[in-house]
Amino acid sequence: MGNYFGKGTINLDNAPSVLSYASAVGPKEGEGPLADYFDYIGEKADFGEESWEKAEVILQKNAFRAALEKGQLAETDISFIFAGDLLNQCTGSAYGIRDFDIPFVGLFGACSTMAESLALASIFVESGLADNAAAMTSSHFCSAERQFRFPVNYGGQRTPTSQWTATAAGCVVVAPRKDPPYIKSATFGKVTDMGVKDVNNLGGAMAGAAYETISAHLTNTKQNIYDFDMILTGDLGKVGSGLLIDLFKKDDVDIANIHADCGMMLYKFEEQDVHSGASGCGCSASVLCGLILKRITEGKLKNVLFTATGALMSPTMIQQSESIPAVAHAVHISGE
């Protein structure tokens, strides 16, 4: 059984394994620098569906089916699915898995959902409550724009601090310990508010949550940044990544050479016009389930602190001039 270290951190004594993983993305992501690592790349952003929301459903289905296939698993081998997305009532996830006869634990952590779902799936496997558990999330640029800002055909101007919501999904199947990668510990973050009210500066809104969760994880586990090959944040983008580095500098800690951000990795900045970078649940999910877990499996990375960040924004609250709270969850993934 895992040990609770306090302040949100759980050590997983038996270190469950990542049995399989898969990613599914849209055409814009398929034109980016990580194209070779994705399992499925759609030719069009609508994936042949009549709405953007239905297109996002296809993303989750494809990621889940690919993860099952890669792990040589049947639907009946999965005890629980932990999944969520950015849409109201987590409809991308609910509709995505309604054809599968598997117990569903719906989650909303905004863009932190990949780390949240992975941590919970690992805890269920560690405790013996699940034989195999799937962790999954997705986002779609057009469905997110319609819900949180303006429909794409409105033609709204994007500011320099804005980020491009990834059309992507990722799925990880966690099983009892066997082969690497291993899930060694997890820290659930607290809600943090930087006072940011600009919905086009989510990186700035989330930087404080990333700092708090990473700091708590290091303190609670008695580790330091040099115990990791990479401290990987979800989707802070250019603005949020700079703020995170500055926050750690106030503690006389320089994470610049160890920190990487999924929002900075998914697209080609000079060619793809994504302003401050990528965002969305599918951003960290696709980078984790494409590049990072592969590198851990190959032994090119030994220890990664995967910290997905989420802006818990509501259009209703923003219209009431409220600021944007955020949360971050961290998972220690290891090849050792």
C-alpha atoms as a PDB file:
ATOM      1  CA  MET A   1       0.000   0.000   0.000  1.00  0.00           C
ATOM      2  CA  GLY A   2       1.100   3.578  -0.536  1.00  0.00           C
ATOM      3  CA  ASN A   3       2.223   5.895   2.226  1.00  0.00           C
ATOM      4  CA  TYR A   4       0.773   9.358   2.722  1.00  0.00           C
ATOM      5  CA  PHE A   5       3.600  11.833   3.207  1.00  0.00           C
ATOM      6  CA  GLY A   6       1.303  14.717   4.054  1.00  0.00           C
ATOM      7  CA  LYS A   7       0.239  17.847   2.172  1.00  0.00           C
ATOM      8  CA  GLY A   8      -1.083  15.903  -0.790  1.00  0.00           C
ATOM      9  CA  THR A   9       1.819  13.539  -1.488  1.00  0.00           C
ATOM     10  CA  ILE A  10       1.366   9.771  -1.714  1.00  0.00           C
ATOM     11  CA  ASN A  11       4.298   7.380  -2.103  1.00  0.00           C
ATOM     12  CA  LEU A  12       3.469   4.232  -4.074  1.00  0.00           C
ATOM     13  CA  ASP A  13       5.512   1.496  -2.397  1.00  0.00           C
ATOM     14  CA  ASN A  14       4.833  -1.093  -5.089  1.00  0.00           C
ATOM     15  CA  ALA A  15       5.416   1.338  -7.981  1.00  0.00           C
ATOM     16  CA  PRO A  16       2.787   0.246 -10.548  1.00  0.00           C
ATOM     17  CA  SER A  17       3.886  -0.047 -14.173  1.00  0.00           C
ATOM     18  CA  VAL A  18       2.772   1.812 -17.251  1.00  0.00           C
ATOM     19  CA  LEU A  19       1.648  -1.201 -19.243  1.00  0.00           C
ATOM     20  CA  SER A  20       0.789   0.691 -22.405  1.00  0.00           C
ATOM     21  CA  TYR A  21       0.144   4.208 -23.659  1.00  0.00           C
ATOM     22  CA  ALA A  22      -1.117   5.888 -26.804  1.00  0.00           C
ATOM     23  CA  SER A  23      -1.794   9.308 -28.273  1.00  0.00           C
ATOM     24  CA  ALA A  24      -4.153  10.657 -30.917  1.00  0.00           C
ATOM     25  CA  VAL A  25      -3.871  14.139 -32.425  1.00  0.00           C
ATOM     26  CA  GLY A  26      -5.222  16.428 -35.104  1.00  0.00           C
ATOM     27  CA  PRO A  27      -3.538  17.604 -38.310  1.00  0.00           C
ATOM     28  CA  LYS A  28      -1.938  20.734 -36.796  1.00  0.00           C
ATOM     29  CA  GLU A  29      -0.265  18.636 -34.102  1.00  0.00           C
ATOM     30  CA  GLY A  30       0.759  16.171 -36.784  1.00  0.00           C
ATOM     31  CA  GLU A  31       2.672  18.970 -38.493  1.00  0.00           C
ATOM     32  CA  GLY A  32       4.623  19.719 -35.313  1.00  0.00           C
ATOM     33  CA  PRO A  33       8.031  18.476 -34.124  1.00  0.00           C
ATOM     34  CA  LEU A  34       6.620  15.421 -32.300  1.00  0.00           C
ATOM     35  CA  ALA A  35       4.692  13.968 -35.240  1.00  0.00           C
ATOM     36  CA  ASP A  36       6.740  10.758 -35.334  1.00  0.00           C
ATOM     37  CA  TYR A  37       5.736   9.882 -31.759  1.00  0.00           C
ATOM     38  CA  PHE A  38       1.943   9.957 -32.124  1.00  0.00           C
ATOM     39  CA  ASP A  39      -0.062   6.776 -32.682  1.00  0.00           C
ATOM     40  CA  TYR A  40      -2.856   8.426 -34.659  1.00  0.00           C
ATOM     41  CA  ILE A  41      -2.906  11.662 -36.666  1.00  0.00           C
ATOM     42  CA  GLY A  42      -6.194  12.792 -38.170  1.00  0.00           C
ATOM     43  CA  GLU A  43      -6.265  14.173 -41.706  1.00  0.00           C
ATOM     44  CA  LYS A  44      -8.849  16.812 -40.769  1.00  0.00           C
ATOM     45  CA  ALA A  45      -9.724  18.471 -37.466  1.00  0.00           C
ATOM     46  CA  ASP A  46     -13.357  17.342 -37.697  1.00  0.00           C
ATOM     47  CA  PHE A  47     -12.362  13.642 -37.995  1.00  0.00           C
ATOM     48  CA  GLY A  48     -15.325  13.191 -40.315  1.00  0.00           C
ATOM     49  CA  GLU A  49     -17.865  14.296 -37.675  1.00  0.00           C
ATOM     50  CA  GLU A  50     -20.565  16.963 -37.897  1.00  0.00           C
ATOM     51  CA  SER A  51     -19.486  18.915 -34.811  1.00  0.00           C
ATOM     52  CA  TRP A  52     -16.254  19.756 -32.985  1.00  0.00           C
ATOM     53  CA  GLU A  53     -17.509  18.091 -29.823  1.00  0.00           C
ATOM     54  CA  LYS A  54     -18.154  14.834 -31.654  1.00  0.00           C
ATOM     55  CA  ALA A  55     -14.703  15.122 -33.184  1.00  0.00           C
ATOM     56  CA  GLU A  56     -13.194  15.247 -29.696  1.00  0.00           C
ATOM     57  CA  VAL A  57     -15.086  12.062 -28.826  1.00  0.00           C
ATOM     58  CA  ILE A  58     -13.289  10.339 -31.715  1.00  0.00           C
ATOM     59  CA  LEU A  59      -9.946  11.458 -30.294  1.00  0.00           C
ATOM     60  CA  GLN A  60     -10.569   9.730 -26.970  1.00  0.00           C
ATOM     61  CA  LYS A  61     -11.859   6.571 -28.611  1.00  0.00           C
ATOM     62  CA  ASN A  62      -8.811   6.349 -30.839  1.00  0.00           C
ATOM     63  CA  ALA A  63      -6.375   6.918 -27.983  1.00  0.00           C
ATOM     64  CA  PHE A  64      -8.058   4.303 -25.794  1.00  0.00           C
ATOM     65  CA  ARG A  65      -8.283   1.681 -28.537  1.00  0.00           C
ATOM     66  CA  ALA A  66      -4.657   2.239 -29.500  1.00  0.00           C
ATOM     67  CA  ALA A  67      -3.552   1.824 -25.872  1.00  0.00           C
ATOM     68  CA  LEU A  68      -5.472  -1.458 -25.631  1.00  0.00           C
ATOM     69  CA  GLU A  69      -3.949  -2.708 -28.874  1.00  0.00           C
ATOM     70  CA  LYS A  70      -0.394  -1.772 -27.911  1.00  0.00           C
ATOM     71  CA  GLY A  71      -0.788  -3.506 -24.554  1.00  0.00           C
ATOM     72  CA  GLN A  72      -2.442  -6.559 -26.148  1.00  0.00           C
ATOM     73  CA  LEU A  73      -5.406  -5.963 -23.885  1.00  0.00           C
ATOM     74  CA  ALA A  74      -9.109  -6.593 -24.210  1.00  0.00           C
ATOM     75  CA  GLU A  75     -11.792  -4.224 -22.990  1.00  0.00           C
ATOM     76  CA  THR A  76     -12.546  -6.681 -20.175  1.00  0.00           C
ATOM     77  CA  ASP A  77      -8.981  -6.319 -18.854  1.00  0.00           C
ATOM     78  CA  ILE A  78      -9.626  -2.749 -17.719  1.00  0.00           C
ATOM     79  CA  SER A  79     -11.120  -2.376 -14.234  1.00  0.00           C
ATOM     80  CA  PHE A  80     -11.707   1.394 -14.296  1.00  0.00           C
ATOM     81  CA  ILE A  81     -11.315   4.345 -16.642  1.00  0.00           C
ATOM     82  CA  PHE A  82     -10.343   7.673 -15.061  1.00  0.00           C
ATOM     83  CA  ALA A  83     -11.034  10.360 -17.643  1.00  0.00           C
ATOM     84  CA  GLY A  84     -12.067  13.953 -18.146  1.00  0.00           C
ATOM     85  CA  ASP A  85     -11.820  16.878 -20.548  1.00  0.00           C
ATOM     86  CA  LEU A  86     -12.599  20.594 -20.838  1.00  0.00           C
ATOM     87  CA  LEU A  87     -16.216  20.370 -21.939  1.00  0.00           C
ATOM     88  CA  ASN A  88     -19.257  20.829 -19.733  1.00  0.00           C
ATOM     89  CA  GLN A  89     -20.160  17.623 -17.891  1.00  0.00           C
ATOM     90  CA  CYS A  90     -16.960  16.054 -19.323  1.00  0.00           C
ATOM     91  CA  THR A  91     -18.952  15.071 -22.397  1.00  0.00           C
ATOM     92  CA  GLY A  92     -15.879  14.321 -24.486  1.00  0.00           C
ATOM     93  CA  SER A  93     -14.979  11.539 -22.064  1.00  0.00           C
ATOM     94  CA  ALA A  94     -18.497  10.321 -21.282  1.00  0.00           C
ATOM     95  CA  TYR A  95     -19.466  10.016 -24.927  1.00  0.00           C
ATOM     96  CA  GLY A  96     -16.022   8.702 -25.802  1.00  0.00           C
ATOM     97  CA  ILE A  97     -16.295   5.656 -23.585  1.00  0.00           C
ATOM     98  CA  ARG A  98     -20.037   5.017 -23.573  1.00  0.00           C
ATOM     99  CA  ASP A  99     -19.539   2.129 -26.007  1.00  0.00           C
ATOM    100  CA  PHE A 100     -17.178   0.381 -23.595  1.00  0.00           C
ATOM    101  CA  ASP A 101     -18.490  -1.756 -20.720  1.00  0.00           C
ATOM    102  CA  ILE A 102     -16.052  -0.348 -18.145  1.00  0.00           C
ATOM    103  CA  PRO A 103     -16.691   1.551 -14.879  1.00  0.00           C
ATOM    104  CA  PHE A 104     -16.085   5.267 -15.472  1.00  0.00           C
ATOM    105  CA  VAL A 105     -14.670   7.766 -12.968  1.00  0.00           C
ATOM    106  CA  GLY A 106     -15.244  11.209 -14.448  1.00  0.00           C
ATOM    107  CA  LEU A 107     -12.767  13.940 -13.547  1.00  0.00           C
ATOM    108  CA  PHE A 108     -12.395  17.650 -14.073  1.00  0.00           C
ATOM    109  CA  GLY A 109      -9.014  19.176 -13.414  1.00  0.00           C
ATOM    110  CA  ALA A 110      -8.990  21.283 -16.570  1.00  0.00           C
ATOM    111  CA  CYS A 111      -5.578  20.895 -18.222  1.00  0.00           C
ATOM    112  CA  SER A 112      -4.217  19.086 -15.149  1.00  0.00           C
ATOM    113  CA  THR A 113      -6.465  16.100 -15.869  1.00  0.00           C
ATOM    114  CA  MET A 114      -3.768  13.826 -17.344  1.00  0.00           C
ATOM    115  CA  ALA A 115      -1.726  13.928 -14.127  1.00  0.00           C
ATOM    116  CA  GLU A 116      -4.864  13.706 -11.966  1.00  0.00           C
ATOM    117  CA  SER A 117      -6.207  10.670 -13.816  1.00  0.00           C
ATOM    118  CA  LEU A 118      -2.783   8.984 -13.920  1.00  0.00           C
ATOM    119  CA  ALA A 119      -2.277   9.476 -10.190  1.00  0.00           C
ATOM    120  CA  LEU A 120      -5.704   8.072  -9.307  1.00  0.00           C
ATOM    121  CA  ALA A 121      -5.369   5.120 -11.668  1.00  0.00           C
ATOM    122  CA  SER A 122      -1.987   4.306 -10.128  1.00  0.00           C
ATOM    123  CA  ILE A 123      -3.344   4.526  -6.573  1.00  0.00           C
ATOM    124  CA  PHE A 124      -6.197   2.140  -7.433  1.00  0.00           C
ATOM    125  CA  VAL A 125      -3.746  -0.363  -8.924  1.00  0.00           C
ATOM    126  CA  GLU A 126      -1.281   0.055  -6.043  1.00  0.00           C
ATOM    127  CA  SER A 127      -4.012  -0.614  -3.481  1.00  0.00           C
ATOM    128  CA  GLY A 128      -5.299  -3.709  -5.290  1.00  0.00           C
ATOM    129  CA  LEU A 129      -8.644  -2.111  -6.110  1.00  0.00           C
ATOM    130  CA  ALA A 130      -7.953  -2.482  -9.839  1.00  0.00           C
ATOM    131  CA  ASP A 131      -6.125  -5.042 -11.938  1.00  0.00           C
ATOM    132  CA  ASN A 132      -5.544  -2.565 -14.744  1.00  0.00           C
ATOM    133  CA  ALA A 133      -6.752   1.036 -14.843  1.00  0.00           C
ATOM    134  CA  ALA A 134      -6.822   3.500 -17.720  1.00  0.00           C
ATOM    135  CA  ALA A 135      -6.084   7.217 -17.380  1.00  0.00           C
ATOM    136  CA  MET A 136      -7.236   9.402 -20.256  1.00  0.00           C
ATOM    137  CA  THR A 137      -8.040  12.938 -21.338  1.00  0.00           C
ATOM    138  CA  SER A 138      -8.529  15.063 -24.445  1.00  0.00           C
ATOM    139  CA  SER A 139      -9.080  18.563 -25.784  1.00  0.00           C
ATOM    140  CA  HIS A 140     -10.010  20.088 -29.122  1.00  0.00           C
ATOM    141  CA  PHE A 141      -9.144  23.606 -30.255  1.00  0.00           C
ATOM    142  CA  CYS A 142     -12.538  24.381 -31.741  1.00  0.00           C
ATOM    143  CA  SER A 143     -14.690  22.858 -28.988  1.00  0.00           C
ATOM    144  CA  ALA A 144     -12.651  24.686 -26.326  1.00  0.00           C
ATOM    145  CA  GLU A 145     -12.849  28.020 -28.155  1.00  0.00           C
ATOM    146  CA  ARG A 146     -16.608  27.656 -28.488  1.00  0.00           C
ATOM    147  CA  GLN A 147     -17.025  26.961 -24.771  1.00  0.00           C
ATOM    148  CA  PHE A 148     -14.536  29.335 -23.182  1.00  0.00           C
ATOM    149  CA  ARG A 149     -14.099  32.229 -25.601  1.00  0.00           C
ATOM    150  CA  PHE A 150     -15.751  32.647 -29.000  1.00  0.00           C
ATOM    151  CA  PRO A 151     -16.616  30.218 -31.808  1.00  0.00           C
ATOM    152  CA  VAL A 152     -13.749  29.981 -34.291  1.00  0.00           C
ATOM    153  CA  ASN A 153     -15.815  31.556 -37.095  1.00  0.00           C
ATOM    154  CA  TYR A 154     -16.221  34.688 -34.941  1.00  0.00           C
ATOM    155  CA  GLY A 155     -12.656  35.574 -35.958  1.00  0.00           C
ATOM    156  CA  GLY A 156     -11.588  37.029 -32.602  1.00  0.00           C
ATOM    157  CA  GLN A 157      -8.101  38.480 -32.306  1.00  0.00           C
ATOM    158  CA  ARG A 158      -5.657  36.365 -30.277  1.00  0.00           C
ATOM    159  CA  THR A 159      -3.263  38.208 -27.974  1.00  0.00           C
ATOM    160  CA  PRO A 160       0.507  37.459 -27.732  1.00  0.00           C
ATOM    161  CA  THR A 161       0.016  35.718 -24.357  1.00  0.00           C
ATOM    162  CA  SER A 162      -2.693  33.389 -25.685  1.00  0.00           C
ATOM    163  CA  GLN A 163      -2.083  29.692 -26.252  1.00  0.00           C
ATOM    164  CA  TRP A 164      -3.419  27.240 -28.825  1.00  0.00           C
ATOM    165  CA  THR A 165      -5.632  24.536 -27.347  1.00  0.00           C
ATOM    166  CA  ALA A 166      -4.289  21.208 -28.591  1.00  0.00           C
ATOM    167  CA  THR A 167      -6.517  18.908 -30.600  1.00  0.00           C
ATOM    168  CA  ALA A 168      -5.182  15.791 -28.953  1.00  0.00           C
ATOM    169  CA  ALA A 169      -5.786  12.941 -26.540  1.00  0.00           C
ATOM    170  CA  GLY A 170      -3.667  10.547 -24.518  1.00  0.00           C
ATOM    171  CA  CYS A 171      -4.316   7.295 -22.672  1.00  0.00           C
ATOM    172  CA  VAL A 172      -2.149   5.381 -20.184  1.00  0.00           C
ATOM    173  CA  VAL A 173      -2.934   1.890 -18.892  1.00  0.00           C
ATOM    174  CA  VAL A 174      -1.506   1.251 -15.421  1.00  0.00           C
ATOM    175  CA  ALA A 175      -0.932  -2.308 -14.162  1.00  0.00           C
ATOM    176  CA  PRO A 176       0.711  -3.991 -11.151  1.00  0.00           C
ATOM    177  CA  ARG A 177       4.492  -3.607 -11.130  1.00  0.00           C
ATOM    178  CA  LYS A 178       6.297  -5.493 -13.870  1.00  0.00           C
ATOM    179  CA  ASP A 179       8.409  -3.475 -16.298  1.00  0.00           C
ATOM    180  CA  PRO A 180       9.251   0.240 -16.527  1.00  0.00           C
ATOM    181  CA  PRO A 181       8.063   2.950 -16.667  1.00  0.00           C
ATOM    182  CA  TYR A 182       7.033   2.933 -12.985  1.00  0.00           C
ATOM    183  CA  ILE A 183       4.758   5.329 -11.105  1.00  0.00           C
ATOM    184  CA  LYS A 184       6.584   6.001  -7.836  1.00  0.00           C
ATOM    185  CA  SER A 185       4.648   8.821  -6.167  1.00  0.00           C
ATOM    186  CA  ALA A 186       2.109  11.558  -6.739  1.00  0.00           C
ATOM    187  CA  THR A 187       1.260  14.943  -5.273  1.00  0.00           C
ATOM    188  CA  PHE A 188      -2.222  16.407  -5.538  1.00  0.00           C
ATOM    189  CA  GLY A 189      -2.005  20.187  -5.647  1.00  0.00           C
ATOM    190  CA  LYS A 190      -4.052  22.859  -3.960  1.00  0.00           C
ATOM    191  CA  VAL A 191      -6.065  25.557  -5.714  1.00  0.00           C
ATOM    192  CA  THR A 192      -3.837  28.591  -6.219  1.00  0.00           C
ATOM    193  CA  ASP A 193      -4.833  32.035  -7.466  1.00  0.00           C
ATOM    194  CA  MET A 194      -2.296  34.439  -8.990  1.00  0.00           C
ATOM    195  CA  GLY A 195      -4.950  37.118  -9.439  1.00  0.00           C
ATOM    196  CA  VAL A 196      -4.870  36.855 -13.249  1.00  0.00           C
ATOM    197  CA  LYS A 197      -8.181  37.808 -14.886  1.00  0.00           C
ATOM    198  CA  ASP A 198      -7.136  37.636 -18.539  1.00  0.00           C
ATOM    199  CA  VAL A 199      -8.496  34.483 -20.202  1.00  0.00           C
ATOM    200  CA  ASN A 200      -5.800  34.905 -22.827  1.00  0.00           C
ATOM    201  CA  ASN A 201      -3.020  34.513 -20.255  1.00  0.00           C
ATOM    202  CA  LEU A 202      -3.629  31.081 -18.783  1.00  0.00           C
ATOM    203  CA  GLY A 203       0.088  30.354 -18.514  1.00  0.00           C
ATOM    204  CA  GLY A 204       0.411  33.254 -16.126  1.00  0.00           C
ATOM    205  CA  ALA A 205      -2.594  32.048 -14.153  1.00  0.00           C
ATOM    206  CA  MET A 206      -1.184  28.503 -13.786  1.00  0.00           C
ATOM    207  CA  ALA A 207       2.472  29.224 -12.983  1.00  0.00           C
ATOM    208  CA  GLY A 208       1.828  29.633  -9.251  1.00  0.00           C
ATOM    209  CA  ALA A 209       0.027  26.301  -9.022  1.00  0.00           C
ATOM    210  CA  ALA A 210       2.926  24.543 -10.757  1.00  0.00           C
ATOM    211  CA  TYR A 211       5.394  26.159  -8.356  1.00  0.00           C
ATOM    212  CA  GLU A 212       3.365  25.177  -5.274  1.00  0.00           C
ATOM    213  CA  THR A 213       2.903  21.557  -6.334  1.00  0.00           C
ATOM    214  CA  ILE A 214       6.485  20.970  -7.454  1.00  0.00           C
ATOM    215  CA  SER A 215       7.782  22.567  -4.251  1.00  0.00           C
ATOM    216  CA  ALA A 216       5.431  20.474  -2.109  1.00  0.00           C
ATOM    217  CA  HIS A 217       6.446  17.271  -3.895  1.00  0.00           C
ATOM    218  CA  LEU A 218      10.152  17.941  -3.436  1.00  0.00           C
ATOM    219  CA  THR A 219       9.710  18.879   0.223  1.00  0.00           C
ATOM    220  CA  ASN A 220       7.430  15.985   1.103  1.00  0.00           C
ATOM    221  CA  THR A 221       9.577  13.353  -0.616  1.00  0.00           C
ATOM    222  CA  LYS A 222      12.858  14.922   0.566  1.00  0.00           C
ATOM    223  CA  GLN A 223      14.067  15.209  -3.007  1.00  0.00           C
ATOM    224  CA  ASN A 224      15.570  18.097  -4.946  1.00  0.00           C
ATOM    225  CA  ILE A 225      15.416  19.088  -8.585  1.00  0.00           C
ATOM    226  CA  TYR A 226      18.648  17.216  -9.349  1.00  0.00           C
ATOM    227  CA  ASP A 227      16.978  13.904  -8.511  1.00  0.00           C
ATOM    228  CA  PHE A 228      15.134  14.307 -11.815  1.00  0.00           C
ATOM    229  CA  ASP A 229      16.261  14.329 -15.420  1.00  0.00           C
ATOM    230  CA  MET A 230      13.274  16.483 -16.254  1.00  0.00           C
ATOM    231  CA  ILE A 231      10.659  18.523 -14.418  1.00  0.00           C
ATOM    232  CA  LEU A 232       7.904  18.569 -17.026  1.00  0.00           C
ATOM    233  CA  THR A 233       5.004  20.991 -16.714  1.00  0.00           C
ATOM    234  CA  GLY A 234       1.766  20.698 -18.586  1.00  0.00           C
ATOM    235  CA  ASP A 235       1.126  23.751 -20.682  1.00  0.00           C
ATOM    236  CA  LEU A 236       2.504  26.925 -19.163  1.00  0.00           C
ATOM    237  CA  GLY A 237       3.767  28.109 -22.543  1.00  0.00           C
ATOM    238  CA  LYS A 238       6.320  30.896 -22.888  1.00  0.00           C
ATOM    239  CA  VAL A 239       4.756  33.251 -20.369  1.00  0.00           C
ATOM    240  CA  GLY A 240       4.004  30.702 -17.660  1.00  0.00           C
ATOM    241  CA  SER A 241       7.336  28.897 -18.042  1.00  0.00           C
ATOM    242  CA  GLY A 242       9.226  32.147 -17.531  1.00  0.00           C
ATOM    243  CA  LEU A 243       7.165  32.933 -14.451  1.00  0.00           C
ATOM    244  CA  LEU A 244       7.776  29.460 -12.997  1.00  0.00           C
ATOM    245  CA  ILE A 245      11.531  29.835 -13.399  1.00  0.00           C
ATOM    246  CA  ASP A 246      11.359  33.249 -11.723  1.00  0.00           C
ATOM    247  CA  LEU A 247       9.346  31.890  -8.786  1.00  0.00           C
ATOM    248  CA  PHE A 248      11.973  29.226  -8.120  1.00  0.00           C
ATOM    249  CA  LYS A 249      14.762  31.783  -8.421  1.00  0.00           C
ATOM    250  CA  LYS A 250      13.263  33.536  -5.389  1.00  0.00           C
ATOM    251  CA  ASP A 251      14.117  30.328  -3.489  1.00  0.00           C
ATOM    252  CA  ASP A 252      17.650  30.394  -4.967  1.00  0.00           C
ATOM    253  CA  VAL A 253      16.744  27.369  -7.095  1.00  0.00           C
ATOM    254  CA  ASP A 254      17.488  27.409 -10.821  1.00  0.00           C
ATOM    255  CA  ILE A 255      15.260  24.938 -12.671  1.00  0.00           C
ATOM    256  CA  ALA A 256      15.874  26.386 -16.143  1.00  0.00           C
ATOM    257  CA  ASN A 257      18.094  23.554 -17.365  1.00  0.00           C
ATOM    258  CA  ILE A 258      15.872  20.794 -15.948  1.00  0.00           C
ATOM    259  CA  HIS A 259      12.459  22.260 -16.683  1.00  0.00           C
ATOM    260  CA  ALA A 260      10.562  21.472 -19.893  1.00  0.00           C
ATOM    261  CA  ASP A 261       7.020  22.401 -20.817  1.00  0.00           C
ATOM    262  CA  CYS A 262       4.634  20.412 -23.001  1.00  0.00           C
ATOM    263  CA  GLY A 263       3.140  23.664 -24.263  1.00  0.00           C
ATOM    264  CA  MET A 264       6.547  24.619 -25.610  1.00  0.00           C
ATOM    265  CA  MET A 265       7.170  21.239 -27.245  1.00  0.00           C
ATOM    266  CA  LEU A 266       4.047  20.457 -29.254  1.00  0.00           C
ATOM    267  CA  TYR A 267       4.285  23.010 -32.071  1.00  0.00           C
ATOM    268  CA  LYS A 268       6.868  24.758 -34.245  1.00  0.00           C
ATOM    269  CA  PHE A 269       6.705  28.306 -32.938  1.00  0.00           C
ATOM    270  CA  GLU A 270       8.062  30.074 -35.994  1.00  0.00           C
ATOM    271  CA  GLU A 271       5.880  28.211 -38.477  1.00  0.00           C
ATOM    272  CA  GLN A 272       2.590  27.396 -36.739  1.00  0.00           C
ATOM    273  CA  ASP A 273       1.502  30.729 -35.201  1.00  0.00           C
ATOM    274  CA  VAL A 274       0.639  29.479 -31.724  1.00  0.00           C
ATOM    275  CA  HIS A 275       1.706  32.654 -29.906  1.00  0.00           C
ATOM    276  CA  SER A 276       2.710  31.595 -26.359  1.00  0.00           C
ATOM    277  CA  GLY A 277       2.469  27.856 -27.047  1.00  0.00           C
ATOM    278  CA  ALA A 278       0.036  24.996 -26.610  1.00  0.00           C
ATOM    279  CA  SER A 279      -2.579  24.364 -23.932  1.00  0.00           C
ATOM    280  CA  GLY A 280      -5.532  22.071 -23.263  1.00  0.00           C
ATOM    281  CA  CYS A 281      -5.837  18.683 -21.591  1.00  0.00           C
ATOM    282  CA  GLY A 282      -4.599  17.003 -24.736  1.00  0.00           C
ATOM    283  CA  CYS A 283      -1.373  19.007 -24.783  1.00  0.00           C
ATOM    284  CA  SER A 284       0.342  17.321 -21.828  1.00  0.00           C
ATOM    285  CA  ALA A 285      -1.490  14.040 -22.533  1.00  0.00           C
ATOM    286  CA  SER A 286      -0.163  13.720 -26.077  1.00  0.00           C
ATOM    287  CA  VAL A 287       3.383  14.793 -25.187  1.00  0.00           C
ATOM    288  CA  LEU A 288       3.468  12.362 -22.255  1.00  0.00           C
ATOM    289  CA  CYS A 289       1.916   9.494 -24.229  1.00  0.00           C
ATOM    290  CA  GLY A 290       3.945  10.269 -27.320  1.00  0.00           C
ATOM    291  CA  LEU A 291       7.479  11.360 -26.523  1.00  0.00           C
ATOM    292  CA  ILE A 292       8.110  11.168 -22.761  1.00  0.00           C
ATOM    293  CA  LEU A 293       6.996   7.632 -21.881  1.00  0.00           C
ATOM    294  CA  LYS A 294       8.831   6.331 -24.943  1.00  0.00           C
ATOM    295  CA  ARG A 295      12.052   7.978 -23.797  1.00  0.00           C
ATOM    296  CA  ILE A 296      11.649   6.539 -20.303  1.00  0.00           C
ATOM    297  CA  THR A 297      10.996   3.085 -21.758  1.00  0.00           C
ATOM    298  CA  GLU A 298      14.122   3.387 -23.899  1.00  0.00           C
ATOM    299  CA  GLY A 299      16.208   4.455 -20.905  1.00  0.00           C
ATOM    300  CA  LYS A 300      16.888   7.926 -22.295  1.00  0.00           C
ATOM    301  CA  LEU A 301      15.127   9.463 -19.289  1.00  0.00           C
ATOM    302  CA  LYS A 302      15.289   7.933 -15.814  1.00  0.00           C
ATOM    303  CA  ASN A 303      13.192  10.182 -13.591  1.00  0.00           C
ATOM    304  CA  VAL A 304      10.549  12.661 -14.706  1.00  0.00           C
ATOM    305  CA  LEU A 305       8.311  14.764 -12.476  1.00  0.00           C
ATOM    306  CA  PHE A 306       5.254  15.189 -14.688  1.00  0.00           C
ATOM    307  CA  THR A 307       3.279  18.188 -13.416  1.00  0.00           C
ATOM    308  CA  ALA A 308       0.164  18.950 -15.424  1.00  0.00           C
ATOM    309  CA  THR A 309      -1.376  22.361 -14.795  1.00  0.00           C
ATOM    310  CA  GLY A 310      -4.992  23.435 -15.077  1.00  0.00           C
ATOM    311  CA  ALA A 311      -6.753  26.803 -15.152  1.00  0.00           C
ATOM    312  CA  LEU A 312     -10.082  26.279 -13.379  1.00  0.00           C
ATOM    313  CA  MET A 313     -11.770  29.055 -15.303  1.00  0.00           C
ATOM    314  CA  SER A 314     -15.475  29.475 -15.851  1.00  0.00           C
ATOM    315  CA  PRO A 315     -16.883  31.852 -18.481  1.00  0.00           C
ATOM    316  CA  THR A 316     -19.612  32.777 -16.005  1.00  0.00           C
ATOM    317  CA  MET A 317     -17.139  33.748 -13.271  1.00  0.00           C
ATOM    318  CA  ILE A 318     -14.925  35.643 -15.720  1.00  0.00           C
ATOM    319  CA  GLN A 319     -17.965  37.677 -16.750  1.00  0.00           C
ATOM    320  CA  GLN A 320     -18.355  38.524 -13.069  1.00  0.00           C
ATOM    321  CA  SER A 321     -14.784  39.926 -13.064  1.00  0.00           C
ATOM    322  CA  GLU A 322     -13.407  37.036 -11.016  1.00  0.00           C
ATOM    323  CA  SER A 323      -9.777  35.941 -11.270  1.00  0.00           C
ATOM    324  CA  ILE A 324      -8.687  32.525 -12.568  1.00  0.00           C
ATOM    325  CA  PRO A 325      -7.783  29.896  -9.950  1.00  0.00           C
ATOM    326  CA  ALA A 326      -5.502  27.062 -10.985  1.00  0.00           C
ATOM    327  CA  VAL A 327      -4.329  23.652  -9.824  1.00  0.00           C
ATOM    328  CA  ALA A 328      -1.412  21.367 -10.650  1.00  0.00           C
ATOM    329  CA  HIS A 329      -0.870  17.668  -9.906  1.00  0.00           C
ATOM    330  CA  ALA A 330       2.512  15.930 -10.059  1.00  0.00           C
ATOM    331  CA  VAL A 331       3.419  12.305 -10.810  1.00  0.00           C
ATOM    332  CA  HIS A 332       6.922  10.857 -10.467  1.00  0.00           C
ATOM    333  CA  ILE A 333       7.501   8.521 -13.411  1.00  0.00           C
ATOM    334  CA  SER A 334      10.696   6.484 -13.366  1.00  0.00           C
ATOM    335  CA  GLY A 335      12.615   3.977 -15.436  1.00  0.00           C
ATOM    336  CA  GLU A 336      14.317   2.690 -12.311  1.00  0.00           C
END
